[in-house]
Amino acid sequence: MTARQLVSWGTKELEKKSIENAKGDAFYLFEFITGISRLDYLVSGEQEINNDEKERYEQLIQKRCSHIPLQHLTGVQEFMGYEFFVNENVLIPRQDTETVLEEVLHHVPSGKKVLDLCTGSGCIAISLALLGSYEEVFASDLSKEALMVARKNMERLLGEEKPSMLERFHLLQGDLLTSIEKGTVFDLIVSNPPYIKTSVCETLMEEVKDHEPRMALDGREDGLYFYRRIVKEARAYLQNGGWLFFEIGHDQGKALEEIFSVYEEYENIQIKKDLAGLDRIAFARYKKLD
């Protein structure tokens, strides 16, 4: 079977199962198995594919037909220009979250102490460690399995790109801020917590509801449970003038403004939109009361 015939078969199989972007996924898996780039494929699509690669490709296509996420089949997802290892124990990094990181890097200068809550794959904390000149970076998650993924990404990416940061990067296990030693304060706390309403979780696309960790998605009854907790509890862990940043759902901007406003310590409350014009970031500055 030629390369072109194989990709055409894969595309048709995925289309039968209503896989979004069937053509793109079919080629991406082909490239993953064979190492043949799109340019080489366009130039020499009639080349024969050996049986071993053909069988491996067919197996991945069948798995994708069962709505296993593409990233779980390849084991990686690009985020902020870096390749992160992912599996079923962590939320797959989304491009939307890059908007949050860009805003953080704009507001929080170098030489600061940073905490990422609900770190999952570690994509936020590790990207900040790579792209910002921060004094220390802490990353916390309740899931032991998620922290194993974050550690793998930390060791590889920081080890390759910024080994000097390895000694100043700390992974902690615990329920939000319970993992942080009392008296420790940060210049920045950032989080992409679970924020989907429980009732909505079952309506999500199969790739998400059946294959990504529910604990990373479910924000309880109204989707705001973890925001309320973090906004309340973070006051004891923020440096005077420190920032608290969140990724939020597309319709949660007004609710986050109200949650921050409960406490007079928070000022400069802002809601920013993503490239699609939807609410995506909520943040405020902490001012210690006299």
C-alpha atoms as a PDB file:
ATOM      1  CA  MET A   1       0.000   0.000   0.000  1.00  0.00           C
ATOM      2  CA  THR A   2       1.300   3.464  -0.855  1.00  0.00           C
ATOM      3  CA  ALA A   3       1.561   6.353   1.583  1.00  0.00           C
ATOM      4  CA  ARG A   4      -1.269   8.182  -0.142  1.00  0.00           C
ATOM      5  CA  GLN A   5      -3.546   5.127  -0.074  1.00  0.00           C
ATOM      6  CA  LEU A   6      -2.827   4.533   3.604  1.00  0.00           C
ATOM      7  CA  VAL A   7      -3.611   8.089   4.663  1.00  0.00           C
ATOM      8  CA  SER A   8      -6.745   8.057   2.503  1.00  0.00           C
ATOM      9  CA  TRP A   9      -7.886   4.859   4.249  1.00  0.00           C
ATOM     10  CA  GLY A  10      -7.185   6.372   7.669  1.00  0.00           C
ATOM     11  CA  THR A  11      -9.128   9.517   6.828  1.00  0.00           C
ATOM     12  CA  LYS A  12     -12.170   7.541   5.698  1.00  0.00           C
ATOM     13  CA  GLU A  13     -12.113   5.363   8.838  1.00  0.00           C
ATOM     14  CA  LEU A  14     -12.037   8.426  11.078  1.00  0.00           C
ATOM     15  CA  GLU A  15     -14.786  10.132   9.096  1.00  0.00           C
ATOM     16  CA  LYS A  16     -17.027   7.095   9.613  1.00  0.00           C
ATOM     17  CA  LYS A  17     -16.743   7.664  13.378  1.00  0.00           C
ATOM     18  CA  SER A  18     -17.335  11.424  13.069  1.00  0.00           C
ATOM     19  CA  ILE A  19     -13.857  12.316  14.278  1.00  0.00           C
ATOM     20  CA  GLU A  20     -13.334  16.055  14.109  1.00  0.00           C
ATOM     21  CA  ASN A  21     -10.494  16.985  11.737  1.00  0.00           C
ATOM     22  CA  ALA A  22     -10.310  13.410  10.429  1.00  0.00           C
ATOM     23  CA  LYS A  23      -7.970  14.313   7.587  1.00  0.00           C
ATOM     24  CA  GLY A  24      -5.542  16.168   9.840  1.00  0.00           C
ATOM     25  CA  ASP A  25      -5.504  13.415  12.462  1.00  0.00           C
ATOM     26  CA  ALA A  26      -5.011  10.733   9.814  1.00  0.00           C
ATOM     27  CA  PHE A  27      -1.931  12.443   8.462  1.00  0.00           C
ATOM     28  CA  TYR A  28      -0.558  13.363  11.905  1.00  0.00           C
ATOM     29  CA  LEU A  29      -0.648   9.704  12.960  1.00  0.00           C
ATOM     30  CA  PHE A  30       0.931   8.713   9.657  1.00  0.00           C
ATOM     31  CA  GLU A  31       3.773  11.172  10.238  1.00  0.00           C
ATOM     32  CA  PHE A  32       4.132   9.957  13.823  1.00  0.00           C
ATOM     33  CA  ILE A  33       4.536   6.327  12.698  1.00  0.00           C
ATOM     34  CA  THR A  34       6.632   6.787   9.554  1.00  0.00           C
ATOM     35  CA  GLY A  35       8.532  10.015  10.185  1.00  0.00           C
ATOM     36  CA  ILE A  36       7.535  11.173   6.712  1.00  0.00           C
ATOM     37  CA  SER A  37       6.936  14.944   6.693  1.00  0.00           C
ATOM     38  CA  ARG A  38       4.081  16.596   4.853  1.00  0.00           C
ATOM     39  CA  LEU A  39       6.470  17.950   2.223  1.00  0.00           C
ATOM     40  CA  ASP A  40       7.987  14.524   1.575  1.00  0.00           C
ATOM     41  CA  TYR A  41       4.489  13.041   1.459  1.00  0.00           C
ATOM     42  CA  LEU A  42       3.370  15.566  -1.159  1.00  0.00           C
ATOM     43  CA  VAL A  43       6.435  14.885  -3.276  1.00  0.00           C
ATOM     44  CA  SER A  44       6.518  11.107  -2.974  1.00  0.00           C
ATOM     45  CA  GLY A  45       3.077   9.957  -1.846  1.00  0.00           C
ATOM     46  CA  GLU A  46       3.272   6.898  -4.081  1.00  0.00           C
ATOM     47  CA  GLN A  47       6.072   5.247  -2.127  1.00  0.00           C
ATOM     48  CA  GLU A  48       5.249   1.886  -0.567  1.00  0.00           C
ATOM     49  CA  ILE A  49       4.835   1.648   3.207  1.00  0.00           C
ATOM     50  CA  ASN A  50       6.296  -1.437   4.873  1.00  0.00           C
ATOM     51  CA  ASN A  51       3.986  -3.880   6.629  1.00  0.00           C
ATOM     52  CA  ASP A  52       5.219  -3.084  10.137  1.00  0.00           C
ATOM     53  CA  GLU A  53       4.464   0.631   9.799  1.00  0.00           C
ATOM     54  CA  LYS A  54       1.179  -0.121   8.055  1.00  0.00           C
ATOM     55  CA  GLU A  55       0.014  -2.373  10.912  1.00  0.00           C
ATOM     56  CA  ARG A  56       1.065   0.118  13.596  1.00  0.00           C
ATOM     57  CA  TYR A  57      -0.731   2.901  11.741  1.00  0.00           C
ATOM     58  CA  GLU A  58      -3.904   0.844  11.385  1.00  0.00           C
ATOM     59  CA  GLN A  59      -3.855   0.105  15.126  1.00  0.00           C
ATOM     60  CA  LEU A  60      -3.600   3.802  15.995  1.00  0.00           C
ATOM     61  CA  ILE A  61      -6.383   4.707  13.578  1.00  0.00           C
ATOM     62  CA  GLN A  62      -8.679   2.137  15.223  1.00  0.00           C
ATOM     63  CA  LYS A  63      -7.865   3.580  18.644  1.00  0.00           C
ATOM     64  CA  ARG A  64      -8.577   7.091  17.390  1.00  0.00           C
ATOM     65  CA  CYS A  65     -11.869   5.774  15.998  1.00  0.00           C
ATOM     66  CA  SER A  66     -12.826   4.939  19.591  1.00  0.00           C
ATOM     67  CA  HIS A  67     -12.277   8.633  20.419  1.00  0.00           C
ATOM     68  CA  ILE A  68      -9.036   8.197  22.336  1.00  0.00           C
ATOM     69  CA  PRO A  69      -7.423  11.659  22.106  1.00  0.00           C
ATOM     70  CA  LEU A  70      -4.719  12.080  19.506  1.00  0.00           C
ATOM     71  CA  GLN A  71      -2.334  13.282  22.212  1.00  0.00           C
ATOM     72  CA  HIS A  72      -2.784  10.057  24.200  1.00  0.00           C
ATOM     73  CA  LEU A  73      -1.822   8.058  21.113  1.00  0.00           C
ATOM     74  CA  THR A  74       1.316  10.073  20.417  1.00  0.00           C
ATOM     75  CA  GLY A  75       2.049  10.842  24.083  1.00  0.00           C
ATOM     76  CA  VAL A  76       2.815  14.519  23.493  1.00  0.00           C
ATOM     77  CA  GLN A  77       1.243  17.949  23.152  1.00  0.00           C
ATOM     78  CA  GLU A  78       2.976  21.193  22.213  1.00  0.00           C
ATOM     79  CA  PHE A  79       2.525  24.114  24.587  1.00  0.00           C
ATOM     80  CA  MET A  80       4.289  27.492  24.491  1.00  0.00           C
ATOM     81  CA  GLY A  81       6.686  26.088  21.904  1.00  0.00           C
ATOM     82  CA  TYR A  82       7.705  23.084  24.023  1.00  0.00           C
ATOM     83  CA  GLU A  83       6.697  19.441  23.717  1.00  0.00           C
ATOM     84  CA  PHE A  84       5.048  18.095  26.873  1.00  0.00           C
ATOM     85  CA  PHE A  85       4.468  14.453  27.697  1.00  0.00           C
ATOM     86  CA  VAL A  86       0.799  13.729  28.452  1.00  0.00           C
ATOM     87  CA  ASN A  87      -1.330  10.712  29.310  1.00  0.00           C
ATOM     88  CA  GLU A  88      -4.755   9.876  30.732  1.00  0.00           C
ATOM     89  CA  ASN A  89      -3.772  11.210  34.175  1.00  0.00           C
ATOM     90  CA  VAL A  90      -3.526  14.870  33.146  1.00  0.00           C
ATOM     91  CA  LEU A  91      -5.543  17.442  31.264  1.00  0.00           C
ATOM     92  CA  ILE A  92      -4.191  17.924  27.746  1.00  0.00           C
ATOM     93  CA  PRO A  93      -2.670  21.434  27.521  1.00  0.00           C
ATOM     94  CA  ARG A  94      -4.801  23.788  25.452  1.00  0.00           C
ATOM     95  CA  GLN A  95      -3.849  26.784  23.361  1.00  0.00           C
ATOM     96  CA  ASP A  96      -6.304  28.876  25.408  1.00  0.00           C
ATOM     97  CA  THR A  97      -4.024  28.474  28.409  1.00  0.00           C
ATOM     98  CA  GLU A  98      -1.150  30.039  26.499  1.00  0.00           C
ATOM     99  CA  THR A  99      -3.113  33.305  26.659  1.00  0.00           C
ATOM    100  CA  VAL A 100      -2.954  33.125  30.458  1.00  0.00           C
ATOM    101  CA  LEU A 101       0.814  32.549  30.414  1.00  0.00           C
ATOM    102  CA  GLU A 102       1.387  35.504  28.114  1.00  0.00           C
ATOM    103  CA  GLU A 103      -0.562  37.767  30.473  1.00  0.00           C
ATOM    104  CA  VAL A 104       1.342  36.459  33.498  1.00  0.00           C
ATOM    105  CA  LEU A 105       4.716  37.058  31.851  1.00  0.00           C
ATOM    106  CA  HIS A 106       3.601  40.598  31.012  1.00  0.00           C
ATOM    107  CA  HIS A 107       2.568  41.475  34.576  1.00  0.00           C
ATOM    108  CA  VAL A 108       5.011  39.573  36.778  1.00  0.00           C
ATOM    109  CA  PRO A 109       8.680  40.535  36.327  1.00  0.00           C
ATOM    110  CA  SER A 110      11.754  38.409  36.928  1.00  0.00           C
ATOM    111  CA  GLY A 111      13.216  37.474  40.294  1.00  0.00           C
ATOM    112  CA  LYS A 112       9.900  36.465  41.821  1.00  0.00           C
ATOM    113  CA  LYS A 113       8.551  33.393  43.632  1.00  0.00           C
ATOM    114  CA  VAL A 114       5.779  31.589  41.741  1.00  0.00           C
ATOM    115  CA  LEU A 115       3.179  28.940  42.639  1.00  0.00           C
ATOM    116  CA  ASP A 116       1.075  26.956  40.165  1.00  0.00           C
ATOM    117  CA  LEU A 117      -1.951  25.203  41.680  1.00  0.00           C
ATOM    118  CA  CYS A 118      -3.594  22.200  39.958  1.00  0.00           C
ATOM    119  CA  THR A 119      -0.446  21.825  37.880  1.00  0.00           C
ATOM    120  CA  GLY A 120      -1.404  18.603  36.048  1.00  0.00           C
ATOM    121  CA  SER A 121       1.220  18.025  33.354  1.00  0.00           C
ATOM    122  CA  GLY A 122       3.199  20.945  34.746  1.00  0.00           C
ATOM    123  CA  CYS A 123       2.780  22.897  31.511  1.00  0.00           C
ATOM    124  CA  ILE A 124       2.115  26.238  33.239  1.00  0.00           C
ATOM    125  CA  ALA A 125       4.792  26.009  35.920  1.00  0.00           C
ATOM    126  CA  ILE A 126       7.462  24.573  33.622  1.00  0.00           C
ATOM    127  CA  SER A 127       6.748  27.109  30.883  1.00  0.00           C
ATOM    128  CA  LEU A 128       7.074  29.916  33.424  1.00  0.00           C
ATOM    129  CA  ALA A 129      10.345  28.416  34.640  1.00  0.00           C
ATOM    130  CA  LEU A 130      11.609  28.259  31.057  1.00  0.00           C
ATOM    131  CA  LEU A 131      10.376  31.627  29.819  1.00  0.00           C
ATOM    132  CA  GLY A 132      10.562  33.803  32.931  1.00  0.00           C
ATOM    133  CA  SER A 133      13.558  34.615  35.099  1.00  0.00           C
ATOM    134  CA  TYR A 134      11.908  33.646  38.363  1.00  0.00           C
ATOM    135  CA  GLU A 135      13.664  33.007  41.656  1.00  0.00           C
ATOM    136  CA  GLU A 136      11.703  29.836  42.463  1.00  0.00           C
ATOM    137  CA  VAL A 137       8.764  27.973  40.974  1.00  0.00           C
ATOM    138  CA  PHE A 138       6.454  25.690  42.956  1.00  0.00           C
ATOM    139  CA  ALA A 139       3.871  23.367  41.374  1.00  0.00           C
ATOM    140  CA  SER A 140       1.182  21.551  43.344  1.00  0.00           C
ATOM    141  CA  ASP A 141      -1.460  18.947  42.537  1.00  0.00           C
ATOM    142  CA  LEU A 142      -3.657  16.564  44.501  1.00  0.00           C
ATOM    143  CA  SER A 143      -3.050  13.706  42.064  1.00  0.00           C
ATOM    144  CA  LYS A 144       0.071  11.606  42.599  1.00  0.00           C
ATOM    145  CA  GLU A 145      -0.250  10.285  39.044  1.00  0.00           C
ATOM    146  CA  ALA A 146      -0.390  13.809  37.607  1.00  0.00           C
ATOM    147  CA  LEU A 147       2.727  14.775  39.541  1.00  0.00           C
ATOM    148  CA  MET A 148       4.558  11.816  38.010  1.00  0.00           C
ATOM    149  CA  VAL A 149       3.796  13.293  34.581  1.00  0.00           C
ATOM    150  CA  ALA A 150       4.845  16.773  35.730  1.00  0.00           C
ATOM    151  CA  ARG A 151       8.128  15.375  37.089  1.00  0.00           C
ATOM    152  CA  LYS A 152       8.870  13.666  33.799  1.00  0.00           C
ATOM    153  CA  ASN A 153       8.283  16.939  31.943  1.00  0.00           C
ATOM    154  CA  MET A 154      10.293  18.907  34.493  1.00  0.00           C
ATOM    155  CA  GLU A 155      13.314  16.622  34.300  1.00  0.00           C
ATOM    156  CA  ARG A 156      13.359  16.507  30.517  1.00  0.00           C
ATOM    157  CA  LEU A 157      12.493  20.097  29.605  1.00  0.00           C
ATOM    158  CA  LEU A 158      14.353  21.905  32.381  1.00  0.00           C
ATOM    159  CA  GLY A 159      17.193  19.411  32.139  1.00  0.00           C
ATOM    160  CA  GLU A 160      17.588  20.132  28.439  1.00  0.00           C
ATOM    161  CA  GLU A 161      16.697  23.820  28.280  1.00  0.00           C
ATOM    162  CA  LYS A 162      17.459  25.358  31.688  1.00  0.00           C
ATOM    163  CA  PRO A 163      19.255  22.982  34.089  1.00  0.00           C
ATOM    164  CA  SER A 164      20.059  25.827  36.476  1.00  0.00           C
ATOM    165  CA  MET A 165      16.336  25.943  37.303  1.00  0.00           C
ATOM    166  CA  LEU A 166      16.052  22.305  38.408  1.00  0.00           C
ATOM    167  CA  GLU A 167      17.152  23.039  41.981  1.00  0.00           C
ATOM    168  CA  ARG A 168      14.660  25.919  42.190  1.00  0.00           C
ATOM    169  CA  PHE A 169      11.648  23.991  40.882  1.00  0.00           C
ATOM    170  CA  HIS A 170       9.538  22.197  43.501  1.00  0.00           C
ATOM    171  CA  LEU A 171       6.727  19.653  43.003  1.00  0.00           C
ATOM    172  CA  LEU A 172       4.286  19.281  45.903  1.00  0.00           C
ATOM    173  CA  GLN A 173       1.296  17.022  46.503  1.00  0.00           C
ATOM    174  CA  GLY A 174      -1.746  18.352  48.314  1.00  0.00           C
ATOM    175  CA  ASP A 175      -5.239  19.809  48.165  1.00  0.00           C
ATOM    176  CA  LEU A 176      -4.650  23.298  46.754  1.00  0.00           C
ATOM    177  CA  LEU A 177      -2.735  25.405  49.295  1.00  0.00           C
ATOM    178  CA  THR A 178      -2.585  22.702  51.978  1.00  0.00           C
ATOM    179  CA  SER A 179       0.684  21.544  50.402  1.00  0.00           C
ATOM    180  CA  ILE A 180       2.362  24.890  51.139  1.00  0.00           C
ATOM    181  CA  GLU A 181       4.259  25.442  54.368  1.00  0.00           C
ATOM    182  CA  LYS A 182       2.703  28.101  56.574  1.00  0.00           C
ATOM    183  CA  GLY A 183       4.508  31.422  56.318  1.00  0.00           C
ATOM    184  CA  THR A 184       5.578  30.890  52.703  1.00  0.00           C
ATOM    185  CA  VAL A 185       4.505  33.769  50.467  1.00  0.00           C
ATOM    186  CA  PHE A 186       4.514  34.170  46.705  1.00  0.00           C
ATOM    187  CA  ASP A 187       4.664  37.035  44.255  1.00  0.00           C
ATOM    188  CA  LEU A 188       2.401  35.087  41.907  1.00  0.00           C
ATOM    189  CA  ILE A 189      -0.145  32.311  42.337  1.00  0.00           C
ATOM    190  CA  VAL A 190      -1.578  31.005  39.083  1.00  0.00           C
ATOM    191  CA  SER A 191      -4.105  28.240  38.526  1.00  0.00           C
ATOM    192  CA  ASN A 192      -6.140  26.526  35.856  1.00  0.00           C
ATOM    193  CA  PRO A 193      -8.484  24.729  38.266  1.00  0.00           C
ATOM    194  CA  PRO A 194     -11.449  22.489  37.402  1.00  0.00           C
ATOM    195  CA  TYR A 195     -14.179  24.898  36.307  1.00  0.00           C
ATOM    196  CA  ILE A 196     -16.829  22.945  34.405  1.00  0.00           C
ATOM    197  CA  LYS A 197     -20.201  22.493  36.079  1.00  0.00           C
ATOM    198  CA  THR A 198     -20.815  18.883  37.181  1.00  0.00           C
ATOM    199  CA  SER A 199     -23.998  18.736  35.111  1.00  0.00           C
ATOM    200  CA  VAL A 200     -22.093  19.796  32.000  1.00  0.00           C
ATOM    201  CA  CYS A 201     -19.273  17.268  32.308  1.00  0.00           C
ATOM    202  CA  GLU A 202     -21.358  14.442  30.815  1.00  0.00           C
ATOM    203  CA  THR A 203     -22.195  16.557  27.770  1.00  0.00           C
ATOM    204  CA  LEU A 204     -18.570  17.109  26.767  1.00  0.00           C
ATOM    205  CA  MET A 205     -17.148  15.460  23.673  1.00  0.00           C
ATOM    206  CA  GLU A 206     -16.114  11.827  24.153  1.00  0.00           C
ATOM    207  CA  GLU A 207     -12.397  12.606  23.953  1.00  0.00           C
ATOM    208  CA  VAL A 208     -12.747  14.801  27.023  1.00  0.00           C
ATOM    209  CA  LYS A 209     -15.411  13.196  29.221  1.00  0.00           C
ATOM    210  CA  ASP A 210     -14.238   9.605  28.691  1.00  0.00           C
ATOM    211  CA  HIS A 211     -10.465  10.020  28.496  1.00  0.00           C
ATOM    212  CA  GLU A 212      -9.331  13.053  30.494  1.00  0.00           C
ATOM    213  CA  PRO A 213      -9.317  12.999  34.321  1.00  0.00           C
ATOM    214  CA  ARG A 214     -12.670  14.049  35.754  1.00  0.00           C
ATOM    215  CA  MET A 215     -11.007  15.609  38.783  1.00  0.00           C
ATOM    216  CA  ALA A 216      -9.269  18.071  36.445  1.00  0.00           C
ATOM    217  CA  LEU A 217     -12.580  19.090  34.862  1.00  0.00           C
ATOM    218  CA  ASP A 218     -15.332  19.059  37.480  1.00  0.00           C
ATOM    219  CA  GLY A 219     -15.702  22.404  39.247  1.00  0.00           C
ATOM    220  CA  ARG A 220     -18.660  21.190  41.320  1.00  0.00           C
ATOM    221  CA  GLU A 221     -22.270  22.378  41.043  1.00  0.00           C
ATOM    222  CA  ASP A 222     -21.728  25.850  39.596  1.00  0.00           C
ATOM    223  CA  GLY A 223     -18.142  25.398  38.365  1.00  0.00           C
ATOM    224  CA  LEU A 224     -16.828  27.995  40.813  1.00  0.00           C
ATOM    225  CA  TYR A 225     -15.953  25.922  43.882  1.00  0.00           C
ATOM    226  CA  PHE A 226     -12.162  25.980  43.412  1.00  0.00           C
ATOM    227  CA  TYR A 227     -12.072  29.680  42.527  1.00  0.00           C
ATOM    228  CA  ARG A 228     -13.842  30.545  45.764  1.00  0.00           C
ATOM    229  CA  ARG A 229     -11.453  28.421  47.814  1.00  0.00           C
ATOM    230  CA  ILE A 230      -8.309  29.714  46.183  1.00  0.00           C
ATOM    231  CA  VAL A 231      -9.327  33.388  46.296  1.00  0.00           C
ATOM    232  CA  LYS A 232     -10.136  33.061  49.994  1.00  0.00           C
ATOM    233  CA  GLU A 233      -7.133  30.977  51.023  1.00  0.00           C
ATOM    234  CA  ALA A 234      -4.511  32.660  48.814  1.00  0.00           C
ATOM    235  CA  ARG A 235      -4.595  35.797  50.960  1.00  0.00           C
ATOM    236  CA  ALA A 236      -2.373  34.027  53.489  1.00  0.00           C
ATOM    237  CA  TYR A 237       0.176  33.084  50.824  1.00  0.00           C
ATOM    238  CA  LEU A 238       0.494  36.219  48.695  1.00  0.00           C
ATOM    239  CA  GLN A 239       3.194  38.813  49.099  1.00  0.00           C
ATOM    240  CA  ASN A 240       1.955  42.384  49.426  1.00  0.00           C
ATOM    241  CA  GLY A 241       1.534  43.473  45.799  1.00  0.00           C
ATOM    242  CA  GLY A 242       1.459  39.884  44.583  1.00  0.00           C
ATOM    243  CA  TRP A 243      -0.820  38.624  41.807  1.00  0.00           C
ATOM    244  CA  LEU A 244      -3.450  35.895  41.653  1.00  0.00           C
ATOM    245  CA  PHE A 245      -4.164  34.644  38.118  1.00  0.00           C
ATOM    246  CA  PHE A 246      -6.777  32.163  36.847  1.00  0.00           C
ATOM    247  CA  GLU A 247      -7.808  30.581  33.608  1.00  0.00           C
ATOM    248  CA  ILE A 248     -11.617  30.760  33.510  1.00  0.00           C
ATOM    249  CA  GLY A 249     -14.520  29.480  31.456  1.00  0.00           C
ATOM    250  CA  HIS A 250     -15.903  31.571  28.604  1.00  0.00           C
ATOM    251  CA  ASP A 251     -18.925  32.713  30.653  1.00  0.00           C
ATOM    252  CA  GLN A 252     -17.337  33.105  34.092  1.00  0.00           C
ATOM    253  CA  GLY A 253     -15.862  36.597  33.954  1.00  0.00           C
ATOM    254  CA  LYS A 254     -18.630  38.330  35.892  1.00  0.00           C
ATOM    255  CA  ALA A 255     -18.675  35.594  38.532  1.00  0.00           C
ATOM    256  CA  LEU A 256     -14.909  35.923  39.091  1.00  0.00           C
ATOM    257  CA  GLU A 257     -15.199  39.666  39.511  1.00  0.00           C
ATOM    258  CA  GLU A 258     -17.780  39.042  42.232  1.00  0.00           C
ATOM    259  CA  ILE A 259     -15.668  36.363  43.937  1.00  0.00           C
ATOM    260  CA  PHE A 260     -12.614  38.635  44.088  1.00  0.00           C
ATOM    261  CA  SER A 261     -14.745  41.556  45.287  1.00  0.00           C
ATOM    262  CA  VAL A 262     -15.819  39.677  48.417  1.00  0.00           C
ATOM    263  CA  TYR A 263     -12.384  40.433  49.896  1.00  0.00           C
ATOM    264  CA  GLU A 264     -11.183  44.014  50.120  1.00  0.00           C
ATOM    265  CA  GLU A 265      -7.567  42.867  49.926  1.00  0.00           C
ATOM    266  CA  TYR A 266      -7.905  42.374  46.164  1.00  0.00           C
ATOM    267  CA  GLU A 267      -7.548  45.357  43.873  1.00  0.00           C
ATOM    268  CA  ASN A 268      -7.063  45.958  40.154  1.00  0.00           C
ATOM    269  CA  ILE A 269      -9.457  43.109  39.351  1.00  0.00           C
ATOM    270  CA  GLN A 270      -9.392  42.378  35.627  1.00  0.00           C
ATOM    271  CA  ILE A 271     -11.027  40.006  33.155  1.00  0.00           C
ATOM    272  CA  LYS A 272      -9.244  39.473  29.845  1.00  0.00           C
ATOM    273  CA  LYS A 273     -10.467  37.707  26.725  1.00  0.00           C
ATOM    274  CA  ASP A 274      -8.754  35.177  24.486  1.00  0.00           C
ATOM    275  CA  LEU A 275      -8.179  35.475  20.738  1.00  0.00           C
ATOM    276  CA  ALA A 276     -11.743  34.270  20.120  1.00  0.00           C
ATOM    277  CA  GLY A 277     -13.121  37.175  22.153  1.00  0.00           C
ATOM    278  CA  LEU A 278     -14.230  34.961  25.067  1.00  0.00           C
ATOM    279  CA  ASP A 279     -13.529  35.439  28.781  1.00  0.00           C
ATOM    280  CA  ARG A 280     -10.341  33.485  29.536  1.00  0.00           C
ATOM    281  CA  ILE A 281      -8.293  35.188  32.261  1.00  0.00           C
ATOM    282  CA  ALA A 282      -9.225  36.615  35.655  1.00  0.00           C
ATOM    283  CA  PHE A 283      -6.626  38.233  37.864  1.00  0.00           C
ATOM    284  CA  ALA A 284      -6.197  40.680  40.704  1.00  0.00           C
ATOM    285  CA  ARG A 285      -3.467  42.178  42.862  1.00  0.00           C
ATOM    286  CA  TYR A 286      -3.232  41.503  46.596  1.00  0.00           C
ATOM    287  CA  LYS A 287      -2.906  44.446  48.935  1.00  0.00           C
ATOM    288  CA  LYS A 288      -2.144  43.654  52.551  1.00  0.00           C
ATOM    289  CA  LEU A 289      -4.489  45.469  54.893  1.00  0.00           C
ATOM    290  CA  ASP A 290      -2.997  47.541  57.708  1.00  0.00           C
END
